[in-house]
Amino acid sequence: MTIEAATGESRITALCALSQQVRELMDATALTDVPEDELEAITADVAALTARLRAVARETPQPFEFAPDGTLRHLGNAVTGAANPHALPLVVTSDGESVRAELSFRPLHEGPPGSVHGGISAMILDHVLGQAVVVAGFAGMTASLSVNYRKPVPYGVPLVATGAFTRKEGRKTWVEGRIALTDGTVLVEATGLFVTPAAWLGE
């Protein structure tokens, strides 16, 4: 590895560490009950740090790129991006036929009191189903996502998201997935239709 490559990876490691700290800051902000004067002091500190970060900025988040091990990564992704504070970040694995991700939502994701916002669950499933399409050997963009909320999704507890290919017709690929408790209790189910753009096929 060249010195330049090592420096680049070192910077990315630092950026990911910063993003994790910002996640913790967001969680702390959502749950804090410190006095008003402390809130004002912290706000001033955060404003100063924000200005420092904006001193040199890009127009878009971290792009798709190849990691040193040759795998494709997207550190700026809103679901999986380790360099994106908005992301969990979700880590999706595959057995060659389906995909799986272990996750735990945070209080920051609350919708109904004590439960995760339905849109957050849908976002996670959209990504997991998209990965299932890739594992099946296809590529596509989400055309439709049908979500069935069976039980409230809690935050702060271990959960499992899964996705698998079901069928394909031409440029259309169907997949299905779910978010469940570790004991298998299904909380949210989803069916997705992904379409491969004709341009991607050279049509």
C-alpha atoms as a PDB file:
ATOM      1  CA  MET A   1       0.000   0.000   0.000  1.00  0.00           C
ATOM      2  CA  THR A   2       1.337   3.437  -0.864  1.00  0.00           C
ATOM      3  CA  ILE A   3       1.757   6.196   1.686  1.00  0.00           C
ATOM      4  CA  GLU A   4      -0.995   8.135  -0.127  1.00  0.00           C
ATOM      5  CA  ALA A   5      -3.404   5.160   0.105  1.00  0.00           C
ATOM      6  CA  ALA A   6      -2.596   4.632   3.760  1.00  0.00           C
ATOM      7  CA  THR A   7      -3.205   8.304   4.455  1.00  0.00           C
ATOM      8  CA  GLY A   8      -6.513   8.124   2.620  1.00  0.00           C
ATOM      9  CA  GLU A   9      -7.691   5.147   4.668  1.00  0.00           C
ATOM     10  CA  SER A  10      -6.473   6.802   7.847  1.00  0.00           C
ATOM     11  CA  ARG A  11      -8.564   9.876   7.047  1.00  0.00           C
ATOM     12  CA  ILE A  12     -11.604   7.709   6.309  1.00  0.00           C
ATOM     13  CA  THR A  13     -11.155   5.947   9.647  1.00  0.00           C
ATOM     14  CA  ALA A  14     -11.080   9.333  11.353  1.00  0.00           C
ATOM     15  CA  LEU A  15     -14.179  10.474   9.431  1.00  0.00           C
ATOM     16  CA  CYS A  16     -16.079   7.332  10.436  1.00  0.00           C
ATOM     17  CA  ALA A  17     -15.038   7.851  14.062  1.00  0.00           C
ATOM     18  CA  LEU A  18     -16.341  11.431  13.878  1.00  0.00           C
ATOM     19  CA  SER A  19     -19.632  10.198  12.408  1.00  0.00           C
ATOM     20  CA  GLN A  20     -20.037   7.724  15.258  1.00  0.00           C
ATOM     21  CA  GLN A  21     -19.415  10.476  17.783  1.00  0.00           C
ATOM     22  CA  VAL A  22     -22.037  12.635  16.055  1.00  0.00           C
ATOM     23  CA  ARG A  23     -24.517   9.726  16.327  1.00  0.00           C
ATOM     24  CA  GLU A  24     -23.863   9.673  20.040  1.00  0.00           C
ATOM     25  CA  LEU A  25     -24.315  13.449  20.136  1.00  0.00           C
ATOM     26  CA  MET A  26     -27.680  13.130  18.377  1.00  0.00           C
ATOM     27  CA  ASP A  27     -28.802  10.427  20.813  1.00  0.00           C
ATOM     28  CA  ALA A  28     -27.678  12.537  23.754  1.00  0.00           C
ATOM     29  CA  THR A  29     -29.528  15.547  22.336  1.00  0.00           C
ATOM     30  CA  ALA A  30     -32.750  13.553  22.015  1.00  0.00           C
ATOM     31  CA  LEU A  31     -32.554  12.381  25.633  1.00  0.00           C
ATOM     32  CA  THR A  32     -30.868  15.248  27.477  1.00  0.00           C
ATOM     33  CA  ASP A  33     -32.488  17.018  30.392  1.00  0.00           C
ATOM     34  CA  VAL A  34     -29.659  19.390  31.336  1.00  0.00           C
ATOM     35  CA  PRO A  35     -30.487  22.962  32.426  1.00  0.00           C
ATOM     36  CA  GLU A  36     -31.183  25.696  29.890  1.00  0.00           C
ATOM     37  CA  ASP A  37     -27.892  27.515  30.442  1.00  0.00           C
ATOM     38  CA  GLU A  38     -26.004  24.288  29.722  1.00  0.00           C
ATOM     39  CA  LEU A  39     -28.046  23.798  26.545  1.00  0.00           C
ATOM     40  CA  GLU A  40     -27.085  27.294  25.400  1.00  0.00           C
ATOM     41  CA  ALA A  41     -23.389  26.684  26.133  1.00  0.00           C
ATOM     42  CA  ILE A  42     -23.415  23.352  24.296  1.00  0.00           C
ATOM     43  CA  THR A  43     -25.222  24.914  21.339  1.00  0.00           C
ATOM     44  CA  ALA A  44     -22.449  27.504  21.046  1.00  0.00           C
ATOM     45  CA  ASP A  45     -19.800  24.769  21.194  1.00  0.00           C
ATOM     46  CA  VAL A  46     -21.551  22.715  18.500  1.00  0.00           C
ATOM     47  CA  ALA A  47     -21.942  25.798  16.299  1.00  0.00           C
ATOM     48  CA  ALA A  48     -18.198  26.421  16.530  1.00  0.00           C
ATOM     49  CA  LEU A  49     -17.410  22.805  15.622  1.00  0.00           C
ATOM     50  CA  THR A  50     -19.847  22.968  12.710  1.00  0.00           C
ATOM     51  CA  ALA A  51     -18.072  26.036  11.360  1.00  0.00           C
ATOM     52  CA  ARG A  52     -14.728  24.206  11.572  1.00  0.00           C
ATOM     53  CA  LEU A  53     -16.083  21.257   9.600  1.00  0.00           C
ATOM     54  CA  ARG A  54     -17.539  23.540   6.939  1.00  0.00           C
ATOM     55  CA  ALA A  55     -14.190  25.282   6.423  1.00  0.00           C
ATOM     56  CA  VAL A  56     -13.392  22.710   3.730  1.00  0.00           C
ATOM     57  CA  ALA A  57     -16.438  20.876   2.369  1.00  0.00           C
ATOM     58  CA  ARG A  58     -17.572  18.728  -0.535  1.00  0.00           C
ATOM     59  CA  GLU A  59     -20.909  19.128  -2.362  1.00  0.00           C
ATOM     60  CA  THR A  60     -22.034  15.504  -1.859  1.00  0.00           C
ATOM     61  CA  PRO A  61     -21.447  12.757   0.760  1.00  0.00           C
ATOM     62  CA  GLN A  62     -18.738  10.130   0.385  1.00  0.00           C
ATOM     63  CA  PRO A  63     -19.262   8.372  -2.997  1.00  0.00           C
ATOM     64  CA  PHE A  64     -19.207   4.715  -3.999  1.00  0.00           C
ATOM     65  CA  GLU A  65     -15.639   3.448  -3.999  1.00  0.00           C
ATOM     66  CA  PHE A  66     -13.596   0.288  -3.676  1.00  0.00           C
ATOM     67  CA  ALA A  67     -12.181  -0.479  -0.252  1.00  0.00           C
ATOM     68  CA  PRO A  68      -8.602  -1.768   0.096  1.00  0.00           C
ATOM     69  CA  ASP A  69      -9.942  -5.347   0.188  1.00  0.00           C
ATOM     70  CA  GLY A  70     -11.595  -4.854  -3.213  1.00  0.00           C
ATOM     71  CA  THR A  71     -15.185  -4.689  -1.971  1.00  0.00           C
ATOM     72  CA  LEU A  72     -17.510  -1.883  -3.054  1.00  0.00           C
ATOM     73  CA  ARG A  73     -18.499   0.469  -0.265  1.00  0.00           C
ATOM     74  CA  HIS A  74     -20.647   3.561   0.062  1.00  0.00           C
ATOM     75  CA  LEU A  75     -19.597   5.381   3.209  1.00  0.00           C
ATOM     76  CA  GLY A  76     -22.048   8.208   2.526  1.00  0.00           C
ATOM     77  CA  ASN A  77     -25.133   5.966   2.304  1.00  0.00           C
ATOM     78  CA  ALA A  78     -28.010   6.974   4.604  1.00  0.00           C
ATOM     79  CA  VAL A  79     -28.514   3.372   5.775  1.00  0.00           C
ATOM     80  CA  THR A  80     -25.113   1.696   5.679  1.00  0.00           C
ATOM     81  CA  GLY A  81     -22.641   4.567   5.462  1.00  0.00           C
ATOM     82  CA  ALA A  82     -20.173   4.531   8.333  1.00  0.00           C
ATOM     83  CA  ALA A  83     -19.248   8.115   7.409  1.00  0.00           C
ATOM     84  CA  ASN A  84     -22.882   9.279   7.436  1.00  0.00           C
ATOM     85  CA  PRO A  85     -24.156  10.169  10.950  1.00  0.00           C
ATOM     86  CA  HIS A  86     -27.720   9.518   9.776  1.00  0.00           C
ATOM     87  CA  ALA A  87     -26.942   5.828   9.176  1.00  0.00           C
ATOM     88  CA  LEU A  88     -27.187   3.140  11.891  1.00  0.00           C
ATOM     89  CA  PRO A  89     -24.885   2.098  10.106  1.00  0.00           C
ATOM     90  CA  LEU A  90     -26.467  -1.156   8.932  1.00  0.00           C
ATOM     91  CA  VAL A  91     -24.145  -4.071   8.110  1.00  0.00           C
ATOM     92  CA  VAL A  92     -25.703  -6.471   5.603  1.00  0.00           C
ATOM     93  CA  THR A  93     -24.314  -9.991   5.128  1.00  0.00           C
ATOM     94  CA  SER A  94     -25.231 -12.730   2.672  1.00  0.00           C
ATOM     95  CA  ASP A  95     -25.162 -16.524   2.522  1.00  0.00           C
ATOM     96  CA  GLY A  96     -25.271 -16.375  -1.270  1.00  0.00           C
ATOM     97  CA  GLU A  97     -29.049 -16.758  -1.461  1.00  0.00           C
ATOM     98  CA  SER A  98     -30.480 -14.245   0.995  1.00  0.00           C
ATOM     99  CA  VAL A  99     -29.335 -11.280   3.069  1.00  0.00           C
ATOM    100  CA  ARG A 100     -29.394 -10.572   6.787  1.00  0.00           C
ATOM    101  CA  ALA A 101     -28.591  -7.660   9.069  1.00  0.00           C
ATOM    102  CA  GLU A 102     -28.521  -7.509  12.843  1.00  0.00           C
ATOM    103  CA  LEU A 103     -29.570  -4.109  14.123  1.00  0.00           C
ATOM    104  CA  SER A 104     -30.868  -2.112  17.025  1.00  0.00           C
ATOM    105  CA  PHE A 105     -32.753   1.145  16.623  1.00  0.00           C
ATOM    106  CA  ARG A 106     -32.112   4.117  18.886  1.00  0.00           C
ATOM    107  CA  PRO A 107     -34.446   6.505  20.766  1.00  0.00           C
ATOM    108  CA  LEU A 108     -33.635   8.994  17.993  1.00  0.00           C
ATOM    109  CA  HIS A 109     -35.758   6.806  15.673  1.00  0.00           C
ATOM    110  CA  GLU A 110     -38.932   7.111  17.727  1.00  0.00           C
ATOM    111  CA  GLY A 111     -42.278   7.605  15.975  1.00  0.00           C
ATOM    112  CA  PRO A 112     -45.158   6.444  18.192  1.00  0.00           C
ATOM    113  CA  PRO A 113     -44.137   6.709  21.870  1.00  0.00           C
ATOM    114  CA  GLY A 114     -41.747   3.883  22.678  1.00  0.00           C
ATOM    115  CA  SER A 115     -41.632   2.571  19.103  1.00  0.00           C
ATOM    116  CA  VAL A 116     -39.682   3.166  15.910  1.00  0.00           C
ATOM    117  CA  HIS A 117     -41.151   5.435  13.226  1.00  0.00           C
ATOM    118  CA  GLY A 118     -42.706   3.378  10.434  1.00  0.00           C
ATOM    119  CA  GLY A 119     -40.790   5.305   7.796  1.00  0.00           C
ATOM    120  CA  ILE A 120     -37.489   4.286   9.390  1.00  0.00           C
ATOM    121  CA  SER A 121     -38.473   0.607   9.272  1.00  0.00           C
ATOM    122  CA  ALA A 122     -39.478   1.022   5.617  1.00  0.00           C
ATOM    123  CA  MET A 123     -36.143   2.654   4.791  1.00  0.00           C
ATOM    124  CA  ILE A 124     -34.233  -0.251   6.333  1.00  0.00           C
ATOM    125  CA  LEU A 125     -36.322  -2.820   4.464  1.00  0.00           C
ATOM    126  CA  ASP A 126     -35.972  -0.924   1.188  1.00  0.00           C
ATOM    127  CA  HIS A 127     -32.211  -1.183   1.500  1.00  0.00           C
ATOM    128  CA  VAL A 128     -32.223  -4.825   2.608  1.00  0.00           C
ATOM    129  CA  LEU A 129     -34.490  -5.814  -0.284  1.00  0.00           C
ATOM    130  CA  GLY A 130     -32.247  -3.931  -2.692  1.00  0.00           C
ATOM    131  CA  GLN A 131     -29.304  -5.947  -1.416  1.00  0.00           C
ATOM    132  CA  ALA A 132     -31.306  -9.145  -1.909  1.00  0.00           C
ATOM    133  CA  VAL A 133     -31.752  -8.174  -5.565  1.00  0.00           C
ATOM    134  CA  VAL A 134     -27.992  -7.753  -5.935  1.00  0.00           C
ATOM    135  CA  VAL A 135     -27.283 -11.096  -4.253  1.00  0.00           C
ATOM    136  CA  ALA A 136     -29.709 -12.754  -6.680  1.00  0.00           C
ATOM    137  CA  GLY A 137     -27.456 -11.531  -9.468  1.00  0.00           C
ATOM    138  CA  PHE A 138     -29.542  -8.627 -10.695  1.00  0.00           C
ATOM    139  CA  ALA A 139     -29.505  -4.855 -10.362  1.00  0.00           C
ATOM    140  CA  GLY A 140     -32.401  -2.472 -10.105  1.00  0.00           C
ATOM    141  CA  MET A 141     -34.048   0.559  -8.600  1.00  0.00           C
ATOM    142  CA  THR A 142     -37.017   0.422  -6.233  1.00  0.00           C
ATOM    143  CA  ALA A 143     -40.253   0.706  -8.217  1.00  0.00           C
ATOM    144  CA  SER A 144     -42.622  -0.111  -5.368  1.00  0.00           C
ATOM    145  CA  LEU A 145     -42.423  -1.141  -1.741  1.00  0.00           C
ATOM    146  CA  SER A 146     -45.401  -2.646   0.088  1.00  0.00           C
ATOM    147  CA  VAL A 147     -45.012  -2.682   3.864  1.00  0.00           C
ATOM    148  CA  ASN A 148     -47.152  -4.543   6.392  1.00  0.00           C
ATOM    149  CA  TYR A 149     -46.696  -3.379   9.984  1.00  0.00           C
ATOM    150  CA  ARG A 150     -47.654  -6.343  12.160  1.00  0.00           C
ATOM    151  CA  LYS A 151     -46.362  -5.220  15.560  1.00  0.00           C
ATOM    152  CA  PRO A 152     -44.721  -2.080  16.969  1.00  0.00           C
ATOM    153  CA  VAL A 153     -40.969  -2.061  16.400  1.00  0.00           C
ATOM    154  CA  PRO A 154     -39.105  -1.352  19.658  1.00  0.00           C
ATOM    155  CA  TYR A 155     -35.843   0.523  19.887  1.00  0.00           C
ATOM    156  CA  GLY A 156     -32.937  -0.441  22.108  1.00  0.00           C
ATOM    157  CA  VAL A 157     -33.361  -4.184  21.562  1.00  0.00           C
ATOM    158  CA  PRO A 158     -31.628  -6.606  19.147  1.00  0.00           C
ATOM    159  CA  LEU A 159     -33.521  -7.138  15.883  1.00  0.00           C
ATOM    160  CA  VAL A 160     -32.882  -9.002  12.644  1.00  0.00           C
ATOM    161  CA  ALA A 161     -33.719  -7.801   9.130  1.00  0.00           C
ATOM    162  CA  THR A 162     -33.758 -10.325   6.281  1.00  0.00           C
ATOM    163  CA  GLY A 163     -34.470 -10.272   2.553  1.00  0.00           C
ATOM    164  CA  ALA A 164     -34.681 -12.806  -0.269  1.00  0.00           C
ATOM    165  CA  PHE A 165     -35.365 -13.023  -4.005  1.00  0.00           C
ATOM    166  CA  THR A 166     -38.755 -14.443  -5.021  1.00  0.00           C
ATOM    167  CA  ARG A 167     -39.153 -14.104  -8.789  1.00  0.00           C
ATOM    168  CA  LYS A 168     -38.149 -12.245 -11.942  1.00  0.00           C
ATOM    169  CA  GLU A 169     -39.903 -11.249 -15.164  1.00  0.00           C
ATOM    170  CA  GLY A 170     -37.832  -9.401 -17.747  1.00  0.00           C
ATOM    171  CA  ARG A 171     -36.412  -6.274 -16.134  1.00  0.00           C
ATOM    172  CA  LYS A 172     -38.606  -6.720 -13.041  1.00  0.00           C
ATOM    173  CA  THR A 173     -37.411  -8.458  -9.882  1.00  0.00           C
ATOM    174  CA  TRP A 174     -39.511  -9.209  -6.796  1.00  0.00           C
ATOM    175  CA  VAL A 175     -38.081  -9.664  -3.327  1.00  0.00           C
ATOM    176  CA  GLU A 176     -39.494  -9.953   0.168  1.00  0.00           C
ATOM    177  CA  GLY A 177     -38.153  -9.295   3.632  1.00  0.00           C
ATOM    178  CA  ARG A 178     -38.931  -8.643   7.259  1.00  0.00           C
ATOM    179  CA  ILE A 179     -37.750  -7.155  10.501  1.00  0.00           C
ATOM    180  CA  ALA A 180     -38.144  -9.504  13.442  1.00  0.00           C
ATOM    181  CA  LEU A 181     -37.160  -9.997  17.051  1.00  0.00           C
ATOM    182  CA  THR A 182     -34.301 -12.420  17.611  1.00  0.00           C
ATOM    183  CA  ASP A 183     -36.835 -15.101  18.631  1.00  0.00           C
ATOM    184  CA  GLY A 184     -38.370 -14.911  15.152  1.00  0.00           C
ATOM    185  CA  THR A 185     -41.410 -12.790  16.010  1.00  0.00           C
ATOM    186  CA  VAL A 186     -42.157 -10.800  12.854  1.00  0.00           C
ATOM    187  CA  LEU A 187     -42.690  -7.084  13.372  1.00  0.00           C
ATOM    188  CA  VAL A 188     -42.671  -5.699   9.827  1.00  0.00           C
ATOM    189  CA  GLU A 189     -42.956  -7.440   6.454  1.00  0.00           C
ATOM    190  CA  ALA A 190     -42.295  -5.983   3.023  1.00  0.00           C
ATOM    191  CA  THR A 191     -42.491  -6.921  -0.628  1.00  0.00           C
ATOM    192  CA  GLY A 192     -40.519  -4.944  -3.135  1.00  0.00           C
ATOM    193  CA  LEU A 193     -40.499  -4.611  -6.903  1.00  0.00           C
ATOM    194  CA  PHE A 194     -37.186  -3.539  -8.402  1.00  0.00           C
ATOM    195  CA  VAL A 195     -36.738  -2.614 -12.047  1.00  0.00           C
ATOM    196  CA  THR A 196     -33.485  -2.664 -13.975  1.00  0.00           C
ATOM    197  CA  PRO A 197     -33.327   0.565 -16.043  1.00  0.00           C
ATOM    198  CA  ALA A 198     -33.141  -0.154 -19.777  1.00  0.00           C
ATOM    199  CA  ALA A 199     -30.076   2.092 -19.982  1.00  0.00           C
ATOM    200  CA  TRP A 200     -28.233  -0.249 -17.634  1.00  0.00           C
ATOM    201  CA  LEU A 201     -28.814  -3.053 -20.110  1.00  0.00           C
ATOM    202  CA  GLY A 202     -27.725  -0.955 -23.066  1.00  0.00           C
ATOM    203  CA  GLU A 203     -31.249  -0.856 -24.489  1.00  0.00           C
END
